[in-house]
């Protein structure tokens, strides 16, 4: 798959919305090293931080498309993924020493409201209370995994080693399932 444009973007969004994740694997591999080069020039981050941000960006893209929150793109898929990955890095390193702003991705980050708030950022007090309540209803395994990854901000590799997961993919799947359960619980609480 080359850089998708126009009809190709529509086909990509449709395929992902239908759960055909082979396109996601291609996107992941196609833009990964480019993201590492791009983000590596802008952020004082380790290779593991870049990897974590990239995985979260690709996962966020898939979640947004699968839930049909994204049905069209204003920017290229690459720009969307890079912008979300950069936002993740900014959240990881709030006290950045050096950030350069100068291209389309940076414009998206700075000016488009779509990129101004993402799940996992500091929620309001009521939302925080609801989130903590929902987390307590999760299985102990999910609570531990989510705590390690999102509250203690451990990398996938650190958690994999800590809990002896056979692969990073197996851990990512477990985290994805836990996040999915949490999301369902939060939706159910919102309807009450």
C-alpha atoms as a PDB file:
ATOM      1  CA  UNK A   1       0.000   0.000   0.000  1.00  0.00           C
ATOM      2  CA  UNK A   2       1.485   3.339  -1.000  1.00  0.00           C
ATOM      3  CA  UNK A   3       0.482   6.695   0.471  1.00  0.00           C
ATOM      4  CA  UNK A   4      -3.309   6.659   0.274  1.00  0.00           C
ATOM      5  CA  UNK A   5      -5.082   9.563  -1.413  1.00  0.00           C
ATOM      6  CA  UNK A   6      -8.735  10.307  -2.173  1.00  0.00           C
ATOM      7  CA  UNK A   7     -10.471   7.049  -3.011  1.00  0.00           C
ATOM      8  CA  UNK A   8      -7.668   5.085  -1.348  1.00  0.00           C
ATOM      9  CA  UNK A   9      -8.286   6.918   1.928  1.00  0.00           C
ATOM     10  CA  UNK A  10     -11.990   6.101   1.680  1.00  0.00           C
ATOM     11  CA  UNK A  11     -11.120   2.435   1.034  1.00  0.00           C
ATOM     12  CA  UNK A  12      -8.719   2.456   4.000  1.00  0.00           C
ATOM     13  CA  UNK A  13     -11.321   3.978   6.333  1.00  0.00           C
ATOM     14  CA  UNK A  14     -13.969   1.517   5.135  1.00  0.00           C
ATOM     15  CA  UNK A  15     -11.645  -1.476   5.557  1.00  0.00           C
ATOM     16  CA  UNK A  16     -10.692  -0.453   9.090  1.00  0.00           C
ATOM     17  CA  UNK A  17     -14.311   0.278  10.002  1.00  0.00           C
ATOM     18  CA  UNK A  18     -15.105  -3.286   8.885  1.00  0.00           C
ATOM     19  CA  UNK A  19     -12.329  -4.641  11.099  1.00  0.00           C
ATOM     20  CA  UNK A  20      -9.859  -5.526   8.331  1.00  0.00           C
ATOM     21  CA  UNK A  21      -6.710  -4.789  10.299  1.00  0.00           C
ATOM     22  CA  UNK A  22      -4.211  -5.874   7.633  1.00  0.00           C
ATOM     23  CA  UNK A  23      -4.407  -2.269   6.371  1.00  0.00           C
ATOM     24  CA  UNK A  24      -3.492  -1.083   9.846  1.00  0.00           C
ATOM     25  CA  UNK A  25      -0.416  -3.319   9.868  1.00  0.00           C
ATOM     26  CA  UNK A  26       0.654  -1.766   6.569  1.00  0.00           C
ATOM     27  CA  UNK A  27       0.100   1.778   7.854  1.00  0.00           C
ATOM     28  CA  UNK A  28       2.031   0.952  11.002  1.00  0.00           C
ATOM     29  CA  UNK A  29       5.045  -0.334   9.101  1.00  0.00           C
ATOM     30  CA  UNK A  30       4.884   2.197   6.265  1.00  0.00           C
ATOM     31  CA  UNK A  31       5.126   5.344   8.392  1.00  0.00           C
ATOM     32  CA  UNK A  32       6.911   4.066  11.518  1.00  0.00           C
ATOM     33  CA  UNK A  33      10.504   4.952  10.626  1.00  0.00           C
ATOM     34  CA  UNK A  34       9.384   8.280   9.144  1.00  0.00           C
ATOM     35  CA  UNK A  35       7.682   9.116  12.427  1.00  0.00           C
ATOM     36  CA  UNK A  36      10.804   8.151  14.362  1.00  0.00           C
ATOM     37  CA  UNK A  37      12.952  10.449  12.179  1.00  0.00           C
ATOM     38  CA  UNK A  38      10.416  13.300  12.295  1.00  0.00           C
ATOM     39  CA  UNK A  39       9.694  13.090  16.033  1.00  0.00           C
ATOM     40  CA  UNK A  40      13.322  12.381  16.878  1.00  0.00           C
ATOM     41  CA  UNK A  41      14.325  15.765  15.427  1.00  0.00           C
ATOM     42  CA  UNK A  42      11.643  17.579  17.434  1.00  0.00           C
ATOM     43  CA  UNK A  43      11.591  15.847  20.797  1.00  0.00           C
ATOM     44  CA  UNK A  44      14.253  14.823  23.265  1.00  0.00           C
ATOM     45  CA  UNK A  45      12.852  11.292  23.538  1.00  0.00           C
ATOM     46  CA  UNK A  46      14.193   7.782  23.759  1.00  0.00           C
ATOM     47  CA  UNK A  47      13.550   5.255  21.007  1.00  0.00           C
ATOM     48  CA  UNK A  48      11.134   3.476  23.381  1.00  0.00           C
ATOM     49  CA  UNK A  49       9.152   6.700  23.952  1.00  0.00           C
ATOM     50  CA  UNK A  50       8.903   7.164  20.187  1.00  0.00           C
ATOM     51  CA  UNK A  51       7.773   3.550  19.783  1.00  0.00           C
ATOM     52  CA  UNK A  52       5.138   3.929  22.503  1.00  0.00           C
ATOM     53  CA  UNK A  53       3.833   7.165  21.000  1.00  0.00           C
ATOM     54  CA  UNK A  54       3.690   5.581  17.544  1.00  0.00           C
ATOM     55  CA  UNK A  55       1.811   2.511  18.800  1.00  0.00           C
ATOM     56  CA  UNK A  56      -0.668   4.714  20.651  1.00  0.00           C
ATOM     57  CA  UNK A  57      -1.189   6.925  17.585  1.00  0.00           C
ATOM     58  CA  UNK A  58      -1.904   3.946  15.316  1.00  0.00           C
ATOM     59  CA  UNK A  59      -4.173   2.403  17.945  1.00  0.00           C
ATOM     60  CA  UNK A  60      -6.020   5.721  18.426  1.00  0.00           C
ATOM     61  CA  UNK A  61      -6.499   6.002  14.654  1.00  0.00           C
ATOM     62  CA  UNK A  62      -7.923   2.495  14.491  1.00  0.00           C
ATOM     63  CA  UNK A  63     -10.237   3.117  17.463  1.00  0.00           C
ATOM     64  CA  UNK A  64     -11.510   6.369  15.977  1.00  0.00           C
ATOM     65  CA  UNK A  65     -12.168   4.782  12.576  1.00  0.00           C
ATOM     66  CA  UNK A  66     -13.674   1.573  14.020  1.00  0.00           C
ATOM     67  CA  UNK A  67     -16.062   3.590  16.200  1.00  0.00           C
ATOM     68  CA  UNK A  68     -16.858   5.690  13.124  1.00  0.00           C
ATOM     69  CA  UNK A  69     -15.732   8.901  14.819  1.00  0.00           C
ATOM     70  CA  UNK A  70     -13.532   9.373  11.758  1.00  0.00           C
ATOM     71  CA  UNK A  71     -15.302   8.950   8.433  1.00  0.00           C
ATOM     72  CA  UNK A  72     -13.196  11.423   6.437  1.00  0.00           C
ATOM     73  CA  UNK A  73      -9.823  13.089   6.903  1.00  0.00           C
ATOM     74  CA  UNK A  74      -8.957  16.756   6.546  1.00  0.00           C
ATOM     75  CA  UNK A  75      -5.236  15.887   6.521  1.00  0.00           C
ATOM     76  CA  UNK A  76      -3.316  12.922   5.163  1.00  0.00           C
ATOM     77  CA  UNK A  77      -3.279   9.718   7.217  1.00  0.00           C
ATOM     78  CA  UNK A  78       0.426  10.333   7.821  1.00  0.00           C
ATOM     79  CA  UNK A  79      -0.256  13.824   9.167  1.00  0.00           C
ATOM     80  CA  UNK A  80      -3.035  12.533  11.440  1.00  0.00           C
ATOM     81  CA  UNK A  81      -0.831   9.770  12.844  1.00  0.00           C
ATOM     82  CA  UNK A  82       2.183  12.059  13.289  1.00  0.00           C
ATOM     83  CA  UNK A  83       0.056  14.736  14.989  1.00  0.00           C
ATOM     84  CA  UNK A  84      -1.430  12.260  17.450  1.00  0.00           C
ATOM     85  CA  UNK A  85       1.985  10.692  18.090  1.00  0.00           C
ATOM     86  CA  UNK A  86       3.443  14.144  18.721  1.00  0.00           C
ATOM     87  CA  UNK A  87       0.581  14.965  21.077  1.00  0.00           C
ATOM     88  CA  UNK A  88       1.352  11.791  23.005  1.00  0.00           C
ATOM     89  CA  UNK A  89       5.017  12.761  23.239  1.00  0.00           C
ATOM     90  CA  UNK A  90       4.065  16.228  24.451  1.00  0.00           C
ATOM     91  CA  UNK A  91       1.956  14.639  27.158  1.00  0.00           C
ATOM     92  CA  UNK A  92       4.803  12.303  28.129  1.00  0.00           C
ATOM     93  CA  UNK A  93       7.318  15.126  28.330  1.00  0.00           C
ATOM     94  CA  UNK A  94       5.537  18.264  29.441  1.00  0.00           C
ATOM     95  CA  UNK A  95       8.859  19.886  30.287  1.00  0.00           C
ATOM     96  CA  UNK A  96      10.324  19.618  26.809  1.00  0.00           C
ATOM     97  CA  UNK A  97      13.482  21.612  26.178  1.00  0.00           C
ATOM     98  CA  UNK A  98      13.302  21.793  22.401  1.00  0.00           C
ATOM     99  CA  UNK A  99      10.332  21.638  20.043  1.00  0.00           C
ATOM    100  CA  UNK A 100      10.394  22.910  16.458  1.00  0.00           C
ATOM    101  CA  UNK A 101       7.114  23.950  14.780  1.00  0.00           C
ATOM    102  CA  UNK A 102       7.239  24.276  11.036  1.00  0.00           C
ATOM    103  CA  UNK A 103       5.172  21.916   8.869  1.00  0.00           C
ATOM    104  CA  UNK A 104       1.615  20.726   8.099  1.00  0.00           C
ATOM    105  CA  UNK A 105       1.575  18.355  11.070  1.00  0.00           C
ATOM    106  CA  UNK A 106       2.608  21.151  13.397  1.00  0.00           C
ATOM    107  CA  UNK A 107      -0.120  23.383  11.946  1.00  0.00           C
ATOM    108  CA  UNK A 108      -2.666  20.655  12.671  1.00  0.00           C
ATOM    109  CA  UNK A 109      -1.433  20.322  16.246  1.00  0.00           C
ATOM    110  CA  UNK A 110      -1.456  24.045  16.892  1.00  0.00           C
ATOM    111  CA  UNK A 111      -4.675  25.099  15.205  1.00  0.00           C
ATOM    112  CA  UNK A 112      -7.112  22.222  14.678  1.00  0.00           C
ATOM    113  CA  UNK A 113      -9.476  21.618  17.618  1.00  0.00           C
ATOM    114  CA  UNK A 114      -9.589  17.899  16.718  1.00  0.00           C
ATOM    115  CA  UNK A 115      -6.085  17.564  18.176  1.00  0.00           C
ATOM    116  CA  UNK A 116      -6.608  19.671  21.299  1.00  0.00           C
ATOM    117  CA  UNK A 117      -7.936  16.952  23.619  1.00  0.00           C
ATOM    118  CA  UNK A 118      -7.447  13.202  23.676  1.00  0.00           C
ATOM    119  CA  UNK A 119      -8.568  10.491  26.061  1.00  0.00           C
ATOM    120  CA  UNK A 120      -6.023  10.018  28.792  1.00  0.00           C
ATOM    121  CA  UNK A 121      -5.385  13.713  29.278  1.00  0.00           C
ATOM    122  CA  UNK A 122      -6.348  15.378  32.554  1.00  0.00           C
ATOM    123  CA  UNK A 123     -10.143  14.923  32.780  1.00  0.00           C
ATOM    124  CA  UNK A 124     -12.493  17.155  34.708  1.00  0.00           C
ATOM    125  CA  UNK A 125     -13.335  16.221  38.313  1.00  0.00           C
ATOM    126  CA  UNK A 126     -16.686  14.516  37.504  1.00  0.00           C
ATOM    127  CA  UNK A 127     -15.163  12.633  34.593  1.00  0.00           C
ATOM    128  CA  UNK A 128     -12.225  11.606  36.770  1.00  0.00           C
ATOM    129  CA  UNK A 129     -14.557  10.243  39.474  1.00  0.00           C
ATOM    130  CA  UNK A 130     -16.537   8.287  36.854  1.00  0.00           C
ATOM    131  CA  UNK A 131     -13.340   6.943  35.362  1.00  0.00           C
ATOM    132  CA  UNK A 132     -11.981   5.797  38.724  1.00  0.00           C
ATOM    133  CA  UNK A 133     -15.305   4.143  39.546  1.00  0.00           C
ATOM    134  CA  UNK A 134     -15.324   2.282  36.221  1.00  0.00           C
ATOM    135  CA  UNK A 135     -11.715   1.180  36.685  1.00  0.00           C
ATOM    136  CA  UNK A 136     -12.615  -0.388  40.040  1.00  0.00           C
ATOM    137  CA  UNK A 137     -15.222  -2.517  38.249  1.00  0.00           C
ATOM    138  CA  UNK A 138     -12.643  -3.979  35.849  1.00  0.00           C
ATOM    139  CA  UNK A 139     -10.925  -7.294  36.444  1.00  0.00           C
ATOM    140  CA  UNK A 140      -7.814  -7.157  38.637  1.00  0.00           C
ATOM    141  CA  UNK A 141      -5.612  -7.955  35.626  1.00  0.00           C
ATOM    142  CA  UNK A 142      -7.051  -5.057  33.616  1.00  0.00           C
ATOM    143  CA  UNK A 143      -6.705  -2.668  36.550  1.00  0.00           C
ATOM    144  CA  UNK A 144      -3.043  -3.593  36.967  1.00  0.00           C
ATOM    145  CA  UNK A 145      -2.236  -3.344  33.247  1.00  0.00           C
ATOM    146  CA  UNK A 146      -3.991   0.000  32.840  1.00  0.00           C
ATOM    147  CA  UNK A 147      -2.362   1.372  35.989  1.00  0.00           C
ATOM    148  CA  UNK A 148       1.110   0.362  34.845  1.00  0.00           C
ATOM    149  CA  UNK A 149       0.655   1.721  31.315  1.00  0.00           C
ATOM    150  CA  UNK A 150      -1.348   4.901  31.757  1.00  0.00           C
ATOM    151  CA  UNK A 151      -0.911   6.031  35.354  1.00  0.00           C
ATOM    152  CA  UNK A 152       2.671   4.927  35.967  1.00  0.00           C
ATOM    153  CA  UNK A 153       3.501   5.554  32.272  1.00  0.00           C
ATOM    154  CA  UNK A 154       5.560   2.393  31.863  1.00  0.00           C
ATOM    155  CA  UNK A 155       6.476   1.358  28.356  1.00  0.00           C
ATOM    156  CA  UNK A 156       5.098  -1.718  26.637  1.00  0.00           C
ATOM    157  CA  UNK A 157       8.529  -3.355  26.965  1.00  0.00           C
ATOM    158  CA  UNK A 158       8.690  -2.666  30.714  1.00  0.00           C
ATOM    159  CA  UNK A 159       5.221  -4.110  31.303  1.00  0.00           C
ATOM    160  CA  UNK A 160       5.979  -7.097  29.063  1.00  0.00           C
ATOM    161  CA  UNK A 161       9.029  -7.897  31.141  1.00  0.00           C
ATOM    162  CA  UNK A 162       7.300  -7.188  34.473  1.00  0.00           C
ATOM    163  CA  UNK A 163       4.385  -9.562  33.789  1.00  0.00           C
ATOM    164  CA  UNK A 164       6.269 -12.024  31.557  1.00  0.00           C
ATOM    165  CA  UNK A 165       4.174 -11.534  28.413  1.00  0.00           C
ATOM    166  CA  UNK A 166       5.460 -13.606  25.484  1.00  0.00           C
ATOM    167  CA  UNK A 167       5.290 -10.678  23.052  1.00  0.00           C
ATOM    168  CA  UNK A 168       4.588  -6.970  22.870  1.00  0.00           C
ATOM    169  CA  UNK A 169       1.665  -7.779  20.564  1.00  0.00           C
ATOM    170  CA  UNK A 170       0.041 -10.041  23.175  1.00  0.00           C
ATOM    171  CA  UNK A 171       0.373  -7.283  25.744  1.00  0.00           C
ATOM    172  CA  UNK A 172      -0.999  -4.692  23.318  1.00  0.00           C
ATOM    173  CA  UNK A 173      -4.011  -6.916  22.650  1.00  0.00           C
ATOM    174  CA  UNK A 174      -4.634  -7.294  26.386  1.00  0.00           C
ATOM    175  CA  UNK A 175      -4.369  -3.538  26.890  1.00  0.00           C
ATOM    176  CA  UNK A 176      -6.688  -2.950  23.956  1.00  0.00           C
ATOM    177  CA  UNK A 177      -9.295  -5.319  25.372  1.00  0.00           C
ATOM    178  CA  UNK A 178      -9.076  -3.688  28.798  1.00  0.00           C
ATOM    179  CA  UNK A 179      -9.461  -0.238  27.271  1.00  0.00           C
ATOM    180  CA  UNK A 180     -12.427  -1.507  25.253  1.00  0.00           C
ATOM    181  CA  UNK A 181     -14.116  -2.844  28.388  1.00  0.00           C
ATOM    182  CA  UNK A 182     -13.454   0.410  30.208  1.00  0.00           C
ATOM    183  CA  UNK A 183     -14.884   2.400  27.316  1.00  0.00           C
ATOM    184  CA  UNK A 184     -18.040   0.272  27.264  1.00  0.00           C
ATOM    185  CA  UNK A 185     -18.467   0.731  31.012  1.00  0.00           C
ATOM    186  CA  UNK A 186     -18.044   4.505  30.722  1.00  0.00           C
ATOM    187  CA  UNK A 187     -20.621   4.636  27.909  1.00  0.00           C
ATOM    188  CA  UNK A 188     -23.057   2.622  30.006  1.00  0.00           C
ATOM    189  CA  UNK A 189     -22.526   4.957  32.979  1.00  0.00           C
ATOM    190  CA  UNK A 190     -23.074   7.985  30.720  1.00  0.00           C
ATOM    191  CA  UNK A 191     -26.471   6.598  29.648  1.00  0.00           C
ATOM    192  CA  UNK A 192     -27.657   6.167  33.234  1.00  0.00           C
END
